C-alpha atoms as a PDB file:
ATOM      1  CA  MET A   1      80.546  18.987 102.123  1.00  0.00           C
ATOM      2  CA  ARG A   2      76.997  18.337 103.580  1.00  0.00           C
ATOM      3  CA  PRO A   3      76.079  20.962 105.875  1.00  0.00           C
ATOM      4  CA  ILE A   4      76.930  20.775 109.299  1.00  0.00           C
ATOM      5  CA  GLU A   5      72.757  19.628 110.296  1.00  0.00           C
ATOM      6  CA  GLU A   6      73.115  16.834 107.395  1.00  0.00           C
ATOM      7  CA  GLN A   7      75.949  15.527 109.269  1.00  0.00           C
ATOM      8  CA  LEU A   8      74.778  16.106 112.980  1.00  0.00           C
ATOM      9  CA  ASP A   9      71.694  13.480 111.857  1.00  0.00           C
ATOM     10  CA  ILE A  10      74.018  10.808 110.480  1.00  0.00           C
ATOM     11  CA  ILE A  11      75.631  11.206 113.889  1.00  0.00           C
ATOM     12  CA  LYS A  12      72.839  10.736 115.339  1.00  0.00           C
ATOM     13  CA  SER A  13      71.115   7.853 113.431  1.00  0.00           C
ATOM     14  CA  LEU A  14      74.214   5.570 114.729  1.00  0.00           C
ATOM     15  CA  ILE A  15      74.509   6.832 117.938  1.00  0.00           C
ATOM     16  CA  GLY A  16      71.142   8.136 119.031  1.00  0.00           C
ATOM     17  CA  GLU A  17      69.657  11.254 120.224  1.00  0.00           C
ATOM     18  CA  ASN A  18      70.798  11.476 123.738  1.00  0.00           C
ATOM     19  CA  HIS A  19      74.152  13.090 123.112  1.00  0.00           C
ATOM     20  CA  LYS A  20      76.307  16.070 124.094  1.00  0.00           C
ATOM     21  CA  ILE A  21      77.830  16.938 120.670  1.00  0.00           C
ATOM     22  CA  LYS A  22      80.470  19.911 120.010  1.00  0.00           C
ATOM     23  CA  VAL A  23      81.274  20.537 116.263  1.00  0.00           C
ATOM     24  CA  LYS A  24      84.957  21.467 116.016  1.00  0.00           C
ATOM     25  CA  GLU A  25      86.210  23.896 112.696  1.00  0.00           C
ATOM     26  CA  ASP A  26      89.804  24.478 113.551  1.00  0.00           C
ATOM     27  CA  GLY A  27      90.725  20.637 111.185  1.00  0.00           C
ATOM     28  CA  PHE A  28      92.289  21.442 107.837  1.00  0.00           C
ATOM     29  CA  VAL A  29      90.929  18.545 106.298  1.00  0.00           C
ATOM     30  CA  SER A  30      87.949  17.332 108.016  1.00  0.00           C
ATOM     31  CA  ARG A  31      85.435  19.179 110.321  1.00  0.00           C
ATOM     32  CA  GLY A  32      85.239  17.308 113.982  1.00  0.00           C
ATOM     33  CA  PHE A  33      82.262  16.442 115.806  1.00  0.00           C
ATOM     34  CA  VAL A  34      83.238  15.453 119.680  1.00  0.00           C
ATOM     35  CA  VAL A  35      80.846  12.997 121.622  1.00  0.00           C
ATOM     36  CA  ASP A  36      80.404  13.350 125.154  1.00  0.00           C
ATOM     37  CA  ASN A  37      83.542  15.131 126.153  1.00  0.00           C
ATOM     38  CA  GLY A  38      85.225  12.828 123.686  1.00  0.00           C
ATOM     39  CA  LYS A  39      84.315   9.239 124.251  1.00  0.00           C
ATOM     40  CA  LEU A  40      83.714   9.042 120.298  1.00  0.00           C
ATOM     41  CA  VAL A  41      84.745  11.428 117.833  1.00  0.00           C
ATOM     42  CA  PHE A  42      83.582  12.073 114.209  1.00  0.00           C
ATOM     43  CA  LYS A  43      84.916  13.239 111.055  1.00  0.00           C
ATOM     44  CA  PHE A  44      83.639  14.681 107.819  1.00  0.00           C
ATOM     45  CA  PRO A  45      86.208  15.141 105.202  1.00  0.00           C
ATOM     46  CA  ARG A  46      86.614  19.411 103.895  1.00  0.00           C
ATOM     47  CA  ARG A  47      87.470  17.881 100.395  1.00  0.00           C
ATOM     48  CA  ALA A  48      87.088  15.300  98.192  1.00  0.00           C
ATOM     49  CA  ASP A  49      90.712  13.877  98.000  1.00  0.00           C
ATOM     50  CA  VAL A  50      90.849  13.260 102.253  1.00  0.00           C
ATOM     51  CA  SER A  51      90.645   9.713 102.892  1.00  0.00           C
ATOM     52  CA  TYR A  52      90.252   7.785 105.785  1.00  0.00           C
ATOM     53  CA  GLU A  53      91.660   4.620 104.551  1.00  0.00           C
ATOM     54  CA  THR A  54      95.356   4.984 105.556  1.00  0.00           C
ATOM     55  CA  GLU A  55      94.228   6.586 109.547  1.00  0.00           C
ATOM     56  CA  ILE A  56      91.520   3.195 109.559  1.00  0.00           C
ATOM     57  CA  ASP A  57      94.467   1.220 108.533  1.00  0.00           C
ATOM     58  CA  ASN A  58      97.054   2.464 110.889  1.00  0.00           C
ATOM     59  CA  LEU A  59      94.407   2.735 113.928  1.00  0.00           C
ATOM     60  CA  ASN A  60      94.141  -1.101 113.536  1.00  0.00           C
ATOM     61  CA  TYR A  61      97.546  -1.806 113.399  1.00  0.00           C
ATOM     62  CA  ILE A  62      98.643   0.368 116.237  1.00  0.00           C
ATOM     63  CA  ASN A  63      96.202  -0.855 118.849  1.00  0.00           C
ATOM     64  CA  SER A  64      97.524  -4.500 118.375  1.00  0.00           C
ATOM     65  CA  LEU A  65     100.866  -2.571 119.555  1.00  0.00           C
ATOM     66  CA  LYS A  66     101.736  -2.420 123.595  1.00  0.00           C
ATOM     67  CA  LEU A  67     102.635   1.642 123.044  1.00  0.00           C
ATOM     68  CA  GLY A  68     102.074   2.644 126.577  1.00  0.00           C
ATOM     69  CA  VAL A  69      99.721   5.298 125.969  1.00  0.00           C
ATOM     70  CA  ASN A  70      96.031   5.947 125.270  1.00  0.00           C
ATOM     71  CA  LEU A  71      94.447   5.178 121.668  1.00  0.00           C
ATOM     72  CA  GLN A  72      91.623   5.670 119.302  1.00  0.00           C
ATOM     73  CA  LYS A  73      89.656   2.708 118.117  1.00  0.00           C
ATOM     74  CA  VAL A  74      87.806   3.043 115.078  1.00  0.00           C
ATOM     75  CA  ALA A  75      83.779   2.867 116.376  1.00  0.00           C
ATOM     76  CA  TYR A  76      82.440   3.501 112.834  1.00  0.00           C
ATOM     77  CA  SER A  77      83.427   3.931 108.750  1.00  0.00           C
ATOM     78  CA  SER A  78      81.359   4.583 105.712  1.00  0.00           C
ATOM     79  CA  GLN A  79      82.608   2.628 102.793  1.00  0.00           C
ATOM     80  CA  SER A  80      81.935   5.806 100.543  1.00  0.00           C
ATOM     81  CA  ASN A  81      84.261   7.825 102.889  1.00  0.00           C
ATOM     82  CA  GLU A  82      81.816  10.028 104.139  1.00  0.00           C
ATOM     83  CA  TYR A  83      82.815  10.092 107.882  1.00  0.00           C
ATOM     84  CA  LEU A  84      85.031   8.635 110.882  1.00  0.00           C
ATOM     85  CA  GLY A  85      83.546   7.343 114.017  1.00  0.00           C
ATOM     86  CA  ILE A  86      86.524   6.606 116.356  1.00  0.00           C
ATOM     87  CA  TYR A  87      86.272   5.502 120.038  1.00  0.00           C
ATOM     88  CA  GLY A  88      87.961   9.103 121.952  1.00  0.00           C
ATOM     89  CA  VAL A  89      90.363   9.337 124.368  1.00  0.00           C
ATOM     90  CA  ILE A  90      89.404  10.911 127.443  1.00  0.00           C
ATOM     91  CA  GLY A  91      91.255  13.999 128.889  1.00  0.00           C
ATOM     92  CA  ASN A  92      92.092  17.521 127.385  1.00  0.00           C
ATOM     93  CA  SER A  93      94.609  18.176 124.807  1.00  0.00           C
ATOM     94  CA  LEU A  94      97.629  19.823 125.215  1.00  0.00           C
ATOM     95  CA  GLU A  95      96.773  22.868 124.127  1.00  0.00           C
ATOM     96  CA  GLU A  96      93.758  23.479 126.195  1.00  0.00           C
ATOM     97  CA  ILE A  97      95.742  22.444 129.469  1.00  0.00           C
ATOM     98  CA  ASN A  98      98.271  24.364 131.951  1.00  0.00           C
ATOM     99  CA  LEU A  99     100.289  21.742 133.013  1.00  0.00           C
ATOM    100  CA  SER A 100     103.025  22.616 135.659  1.00  0.00           C
ATOM    101  CA  GLU A 101     106.706  22.004 135.247  1.00  0.00           C
ATOM    102  CA  GLU A 102     107.034  18.791 136.923  1.00  0.00           C
ATOM    103  CA  GLU A 103     103.367  17.289 135.417  1.00  0.00           C
ATOM    104  CA  GLN A 104     105.125  18.215 132.069  1.00  0.00           C
ATOM    105  CA  ARG A 105     108.064  16.138 132.971  1.00  0.00           C
ATOM    106  CA  VAL A 106     105.466  13.282 133.369  1.00  0.00           C
ATOM    107  CA  VAL A 107     103.776  13.833 129.819  1.00  0.00           C
ATOM    108  CA  GLY A 108     107.109  14.151 128.346  1.00  0.00           C
ATOM    109  CA  LYS A 109     108.499  11.527 129.444  1.00  0.00           C
ATOM    110  CA  GLN A 110     105.276   8.798 128.528  1.00  0.00           C
ATOM    111  CA  LEU A 111     105.027  10.620 124.992  1.00  0.00           C
ATOM    112  CA  GLY A 112     109.751   9.652 124.641  1.00  0.00           C
ATOM    113  CA  LEU A 113     108.781   6.352 125.944  1.00  0.00           C
ATOM    114  CA  PHE A 114     105.562   5.665 123.302  1.00  0.00           C
ATOM    115  CA  LEU A 115     108.010   7.578 120.230  1.00  0.00           C
ATOM    116  CA  LYS A 116     110.746   5.026 121.085  1.00  0.00           C
ATOM    117  CA  LYS A 117     108.215   2.149 120.491  1.00  0.00           C
ATOM    118  CA  LEU A 118     106.482   3.377 117.301  1.00  0.00           C
ATOM    119  CA  HIS A 119     109.954   4.019 115.992  1.00  0.00           C
ATOM    120  CA  GLN A 120     111.132   0.821 116.476  1.00  0.00           C
ATOM    121  CA  ILE A 121     108.224  -0.834 114.798  1.00  0.00           C
ATOM    122  CA  LYS A 122     109.359  -2.539 111.494  1.00  0.00           C
ATOM    123  CA  GLU A 123     107.000  -4.765 109.938  1.00  0.00           C
ATOM    124  CA  HIS A 124     104.462  -1.813 108.464  1.00  0.00           C
ATOM    125  CA  ASN A 125     104.938  -0.818 105.096  1.00  0.00           C
ATOM    126  CA  GLY A 126     103.789   2.736 105.347  1.00  0.00           C
ATOM    127  CA  MET A 127     105.217   4.676 102.260  1.00  0.00           C
ATOM    128  CA  PRO A 128     108.026   6.455 102.796  1.00  0.00           C
ATOM    129  CA  CYS A 129     108.326  10.294 102.829  1.00  0.00           C
ATOM    130  CA  THR A 130     112.082  11.022 102.204  1.00  0.00           C
ATOM    131  CA  LEU A 131     114.215  13.856 103.405  1.00  0.00           C
ATOM    132  CA  LYS A 132     114.453  15.692 100.212  1.00  0.00           C
ATOM    133  CA  ALA A 133     110.838  14.941 100.446  1.00  0.00           C
ATOM    134  CA  GLU A 134     109.849  17.105 102.929  1.00  0.00           C
ATOM    135  CA  ILE A 135     112.342  20.144 102.464  1.00  0.00           C
ATOM    136  CA  GLU A 136     110.869  20.751  99.061  1.00  0.00           C
ATOM    137  CA  ALA A 137     107.169  20.402  99.918  1.00  0.00           C
ATOM    138  CA  TRP A 138     108.543  22.953 102.994  1.00  0.00           C
ATOM    139  CA  GLN A 139     109.823  25.599 100.452  1.00  0.00           C
ATOM    140  CA  ASN A 140     107.119  25.022  97.795  1.00  0.00           C
ATOM    141  CA  ARG A 141     104.785  26.581 101.156  1.00  0.00           C
ATOM    142  CA  VAL A 142     106.905  28.999 101.759  1.00  0.00           C
ATOM    143  CA  LYS A 143     106.968  30.051  97.914  1.00  0.00           C
ATOM    144  CA  PHE A 144     103.293  29.906  97.986  1.00  0.00           C
ATOM    145  CA  VAL A 145     103.477  32.712 100.672  1.00  0.00           C
ATOM    146  CA  ASN A 146     106.048  35.092  99.164  1.00  0.00           C
ATOM    147  CA  ASP A 147     103.507  37.880  98.749  1.00  0.00           C
ATOM    148  CA  PHE A 148     102.986  37.913 102.383  1.00  0.00           C
ATOM    149  CA  ILE A 149     107.032  37.630 103.283  1.00  0.00           C
ATOM    150  CA  THR A 150     107.446  40.520 100.778  1.00  0.00           C
ATOM    151  CA  LYS A 151     104.700  42.762 101.911  1.00  0.00           C
ATOM    152  CA  THR A 152     105.298  41.870 106.251  1.00  0.00           C
ATOM    153  CA  PHE A 153     109.330  41.415 106.302  1.00  0.00           C
ATOM    154  CA  SER A 154     112.193  44.085 105.049  1.00  0.00           C
ATOM    155  CA  GLU A 155     114.403  43.348 102.592  1.00  0.00           C
ATOM    156  CA  ARG A 156     117.310  41.972 105.007  1.00  0.00           C
ATOM    157  CA  GLU A 157     114.465  39.726 106.522  1.00  0.00           C
ATOM    158  CA  GLN A 158     113.518  38.313 103.220  1.00  0.00           C
ATOM    159  CA  GLU A 159     116.965  37.284 102.219  1.00  0.00           C
ATOM    160  CA  ILE A 160     117.839  35.458 105.972  1.00  0.00           C
ATOM    161  CA  ILE A 161     114.680  33.643 104.952  1.00  0.00           C
ATOM    162  CA  THR A 162     115.969  32.524 101.431  1.00  0.00           C
ATOM    163  CA  ALA A 163     119.315  31.963 102.498  1.00  0.00           C
ATOM    164  CA  LEU A 164     117.902  29.909 105.828  1.00  0.00           C
ATOM    165  CA  MET A 165     115.422  27.917 103.660  1.00  0.00           C
ATOM    166  CA  PHE A 166     116.920  27.331 100.609  1.00  0.00           C
ATOM    167  CA  GLU A 167     120.603  26.800 101.341  1.00  0.00           C
ATOM    168  CA  TYR A 168     121.589  26.680 105.348  1.00  0.00           C
ATOM    169  CA  MET A 169     118.055  24.454 106.592  1.00  0.00           C
ATOM    170  CA  PRO A 170     118.826  21.390 103.525  1.00  0.00           C
ATOM    171  CA  ASN A 171     122.561  21.557 104.047  1.00  0.00           C
ATOM    172  CA  LYS A 172     122.496  20.958 107.938  1.00  0.00           C
ATOM    173  CA  LEU A 173     119.553  18.588 107.744  1.00  0.00           C
ATOM    174  CA  ASN A 174     121.096  16.388 104.868  1.00  0.00           C
ATOM    175  CA  GLY A 175     124.250  17.048 106.351  1.00  0.00           C
ATOM    176  CA  LEU A 176     122.772  15.217 109.801  1.00  0.00           C
ATOM    177  CA  GLY A 177     121.483  12.438 108.177  1.00  0.00           C
ATOM    178  CA  GLU A 178     118.229  10.524 107.339  1.00  0.00           C
ATOM    179  CA  ASN A 179     116.511   8.216 109.762  1.00  0.00           C
ATOM    180  CA  LEU A 180     113.269   7.040 108.548  1.00  0.00           C
ATOM    181  CA  VAL A 181     111.036   5.309 110.681  1.00  0.00           C
ATOM    182  CA  PHE A 182     107.530   4.445 111.061  1.00  0.00           C
ATOM    183  CA  SER A 183     105.883   8.034 112.347  1.00  0.00           C
ATOM    184  CA  HIS A 184     102.716   9.454 113.532  1.00  0.00           C
ATOM    185  CA  GLY A 185     103.166  12.297 111.632  1.00  0.00           C
ATOM    186  CA  ASP A 186     101.425  14.820 113.461  1.00  0.00           C
ATOM    187  CA  LEU A 187     102.265  14.812 116.791  1.00  0.00           C
ATOM    188  CA  GLY A 188     101.203  18.138 118.151  1.00  0.00           C
ATOM    189  CA  ASP A 189      99.791  19.810 121.091  1.00  0.00           C
ATOM    190  CA  GLY A 190      96.399  19.196 119.444  1.00  0.00           C
ATOM    191  CA  ASN A 191      97.062  15.421 119.050  1.00  0.00           C
ATOM    192  CA  VAL A 192      98.233  14.776 122.499  1.00  0.00           C
ATOM    193  CA  PHE A 193      95.814  14.497 125.204  1.00  0.00           C
ATOM    194  CA  VAL A 194      95.952  13.768 129.149  1.00  0.00           C
ATOM    195  CA  ASP A 195      93.383  12.591 131.705  1.00  0.00           C
ATOM    196  CA  ASP A 196      92.750  13.890 135.771  1.00  0.00           C
ATOM    197  CA  LYS A 197      95.449  10.686 135.980  1.00  0.00           C
ATOM    198  CA  LEU A 198      98.102  12.301 133.979  1.00  0.00           C
ATOM    199  CA  LYS A 199      97.819   9.464 131.328  1.00  0.00           C
ATOM    200  CA  VAL A 200      98.832  10.638 128.284  1.00  0.00           C
ATOM    201  CA  GLY A 201      96.544   9.477 124.813  1.00  0.00           C
ATOM    202  CA  VAL A 202      97.960  10.449 121.376  1.00  0.00           C
ATOM    203  CA  ILE A 203      95.097  10.772 117.982  1.00  0.00           C
ATOM    204  CA  ASP A 204      94.821  11.179 114.672  1.00  0.00           C
ATOM    205  CA  PHE A 205      97.345   8.942 113.038  1.00  0.00           C
ATOM    206  CA  ASN A 206      95.944   9.468 109.917  1.00  0.00           C
ATOM    207  CA  GLU A 207      99.660  10.981 108.314  1.00  0.00           C
ATOM    208  CA  SER A 208     101.618   8.522 109.725  1.00  0.00           C
ATOM    209  CA  GLY A 209     103.889   6.622 107.396  1.00  0.00           C
ATOM    210  CA  LEU A 210     107.471   6.516 107.235  1.00  0.00           C
ATOM    211  CA  LEU A 211     109.102   9.763 107.711  1.00  0.00           C
ATOM    212  CA  ASP A 212     112.450  11.444 109.482  1.00  0.00           C
ATOM    213  CA  GLU A 213     112.395  10.631 113.344  1.00  0.00           C
ATOM    214  CA  ALA A 214     112.885  14.240 113.978  1.00  0.00           C
ATOM    215  CA  GLY A 215     109.535  14.932 112.407  1.00  0.00           C
ATOM    216  CA  ASP A 216     107.865  13.329 115.838  1.00  0.00           C
ATOM    217  CA  PHE A 217     109.617  15.995 117.760  1.00  0.00           C
ATOM    218  CA  MET A 218     108.979  19.058 116.145  1.00  0.00           C
ATOM    219  CA  ASP A 219     105.339  20.348 116.675  1.00  0.00           C
ATOM    220  CA  ILE A 220     105.038  19.631 120.499  1.00  0.00           C
ATOM    221  CA  SER A 221     105.288  23.003 121.742  1.00  0.00           C
ATOM    222  CA  SER A 222     106.316  23.184 125.367  1.00  0.00           C
ATOM    223  CA  ASP A 223     109.694  22.877 126.023  1.00  0.00           C
ATOM    224  CA  ILE A 224     109.653  21.033 128.867  1.00  0.00           C
ATOM    225  CA  ILE A 225     107.472  18.287 127.393  1.00  0.00           C
ATOM    226  CA  ARG A 226     109.872  18.122 124.531  1.00  0.00           C
ATOM    227  CA  GLU A 227     113.242  17.618 125.880  1.00  0.00           C
ATOM    228  CA  GLU A 228     111.602  15.228 128.387  1.00  0.00           C
ATOM    229  CA  MET A 229     110.618  13.429 125.298  1.00  0.00           C
ATOM    230  CA  LEU A 230     114.343  13.318 124.000  1.00  0.00           C
ATOM    231  CA  ASN A 231     115.345  12.182 127.304  1.00  0.00           C
ATOM    232  CA  ALA A 232     113.275   9.002 127.715  1.00  0.00           C
ATOM    233  CA  TYR A 233     114.012   8.166 123.879  1.00  0.00           C
ATOM    234  CA  GLY A 234     117.503   8.309 123.823  1.00  0.00           C
ATOM    235  CA  ALA A 235     117.863  11.502 121.348  1.00  0.00           C
ATOM    236  CA  THR A 236     121.443  10.930 119.863  1.00  0.00           C
ATOM    237  CA  GLN A 237     123.416  14.564 119.661  1.00  0.00           C
ATOM    238  CA  ASP A 238     122.296  14.720 115.537  1.00  0.00           C
ATOM    239  CA  LEU A 239     118.507  14.097 116.629  1.00  0.00           C
ATOM    240  CA  ARG A 240     118.568  16.699 119.182  1.00  0.00           C
ATOM    241  CA  GLU A 241     120.092  19.208 116.417  1.00  0.00           C
ATOM    242  CA  LYS A 242     117.445  18.186 113.278  1.00  0.00           C
ATOM    243  CA  VAL A 243     114.546  18.780 115.996  1.00  0.00           C
ATOM    244  CA  GLU A 244     116.445  22.296 116.646  1.00  0.00           C
ATOM    245  CA  ILE A 245     116.453  23.709 113.130  1.00  0.00           C
ATOM    246  CA  ARG A 246     112.777  21.892 112.533  1.00  0.00           C
ATOM    247  CA  ARG A 247     111.767  24.206 115.648  1.00  0.00           C
ATOM    248  CA  ASP A 248     113.295  26.475 114.239  1.00  0.00           C
ATOM    249  CA  ILE A 249     111.671  26.642 110.774  1.00  0.00           C
ATOM    250  CA  ARG A 250     107.959  25.459 111.738  1.00  0.00           C
ATOM    251  CA  PRO A 251     106.746  28.990 111.867  1.00  0.00           C
ATOM    252  CA  LEU A 252     107.708  29.275 108.300  1.00  0.00           C
ATOM    253  CA  ILE A 253     106.104  26.403 107.024  1.00  0.00           C
ATOM    254  CA  VAL A 254     103.218  26.711 108.617  1.00  0.00           C
ATOM    255  CA  LEU A 255     102.500  29.698 107.232  1.00  0.00           C
ATOM    256  CA  LYS A 256     100.179  28.973 104.287  1.00  0.00           C
ATOM    257  CA  PRO A 257      97.568  26.373 105.818  1.00  0.00           C
ATOM    258  CA  TYR A 258      96.785  29.451 108.747  1.00  0.00           C
ATOM    259  CA  LEU A 259      97.186  32.157 105.777  1.00  0.00           C
ATOM    260  CA  THR A 260      94.547  30.275 104.526  1.00  0.00           C
ATOM    261  CA  ARG A 261      91.928  30.096 107.269  1.00  0.00           C
ATOM    262  CA  ASN A 262      92.476  33.340 107.699  1.00  0.00           C
ATOM    263  CA  ASN A 263      93.349  33.794 111.413  1.00  0.00           C
ATOM    264  CA  PRO A 264      94.785  36.993 112.296  1.00  0.00           C
ATOM    265  CA  GLN A 265      95.857  36.180 115.708  1.00  0.00           C
ATOM    266  CA  VAL A 266      97.495  33.228 114.174  1.00  0.00           C
ATOM    267  CA  ILE A 267      99.491  34.545 112.144  1.00  0.00           C
ATOM    268  CA  ASN A 268     100.606  37.674 114.160  1.00  0.00           C
ATOM    269  CA  GLU A 269     102.004  35.195 116.574  1.00  0.00           C
ATOM    270  CA  LEU A 270     104.158  33.425 113.583  1.00  0.00           C
ATOM    271  CA  VAL A 271     105.412  36.325 112.275  1.00  0.00           C
ATOM    272  CA  GLY A 272     106.621  37.493 116.000  1.00  0.00           C
ATOM    273  CA  ASN A 273     108.399  33.994 115.790  1.00  0.00           C
ATOM    274  CA  ILE A 274     109.340  34.279 112.780  1.00  0.00           C
ATOM    275  CA  ARG A 275     111.302  37.270 113.128  1.00  0.00           C
ATOM    276  CA  GLN A 276     113.068  35.607 116.208  1.00  0.00           C
ATOM    277  CA  THR A 277     114.219  32.889 114.271  1.00  0.00           C
ATOM    278  CA  LEU A 278     115.752  34.993 111.977  1.00  0.00           C
ATOM    279  CA  THR A 279     117.537  36.991 114.978  1.00  0.00           C
ATOM    280  CA  LYS A 280     118.975  33.467 115.825  1.00  0.00           C
ATOM    281  CA  TYR A 281     120.094  32.921 111.948  1.00  0.00           C
ATOM    282  CA  GLU A 282     121.973  35.876 111.188  1.00  0.00           C
ATOM    283  CA  HIS A 283     124.953  35.693 112.292  1.00  0.00           C
ATOM    284  CA  PHE A 284     125.367  31.967 111.211  1.00  0.00           C
ATOM    285  CA  LEU A 285     124.149  33.539 107.766  1.00  0.00           C
ATOM    286  CA  ASP A 286     126.209  35.894 107.545  1.00  0.00           C
ATOM    287  CA  LYS A 287     129.181  33.339 107.415  1.00  0.00           C
ATOM    288  CA  GLU A 288     126.843  31.832 104.403  1.00  0.00           C
ATOM    289  CA  ASN A 289     127.962  34.954 102.672  1.00  0.00           C
ATOM    290  CA  VAL A 290     124.101  36.450 102.910  1.00  0.00           C
ATOM    291  CA  LYS A 291     124.294  40.183 101.448  1.00  0.00           C
ATOM    292  CA  ARG A 292     123.036  43.429 103.877  1.00  0.00           C
END
C-alpha cells in the first residue's frame, strides 16, 4: 500500500489543492479520505486482494433505482484498482451523532423502507452467500480467536460459547429458514448517515450481494432504530427471531477483526457483551445438555 503522502498527492492531482481532506484509518480493507466533510470520499486498498469492481457495479446499479435514501455515486476510478473516488453523502454517521428517541424512530423508518425496496430487487445477478456459508464463516472466526477465548473466559463460559456457536445457533437459524435477497451486506452504524433534516444516507455497498435478509438488520446498534426498521419493513416473527440471534452472536463474530486491529477499548466492550449473551443463553443451552 502506498504511503499516505503519495495517496494524498493522487487525490490532489484529481480534484486540486484547495480542499479539506481528513484521513480515516478505521476501515479493515481500505484507507479512507474524506474530502470537504463528505462531499467526496476516496478509498485506497490496504491489501492486494481488495477490489472495488463489485462496489462500482453495485453503486451504478442502485443509483438507477428509487430507494428513498441518499446514496453515493462513482466519481473517480482507477483501471488498476489503485483507488476509488465517490461522491459522498452529506451528514454524520450514526457512530458520530446522538439522536433523540423520536429522531431515531424517524431514521429507523427510513432505513426499514429502504431495505424493503432493496430486498425486493429481482433482476440483480449478485453472487449468493448461503446461510450455510455464513454460519461456517462465523464458526471459523470463533476458531481463529480460540486462544483469546481460552485466556479470557472461564471453562463454563467456553462451554457455552461452543454450544451456542456450533449447536444452538446453526440449528436455530436453519430451523427458521433462509431467504436470500439482494442485500447491502454491511449496514452498520458507520455506513448510515443522517443530515440536519434527518434525511438518511447509506454508503459502502462493497459487500452487497444475495444474502439472508436478516443480515441487514444485525449491525445497527440502536434497539429503537432497529425496531422501527423491522416495523417499517413488515418483518415476520421468524425474521425478528433471526435478527435477535444474529445480534446476540455478533460480539463473538467480530472479535477476530478487532483483535487484529488491537483496539483494547473495543475488545473490552465486546468481552462484556459476550458475557451478557452467555448469561442470556445459559438456561437455553442447559436444555441442550451443556455440562457444568
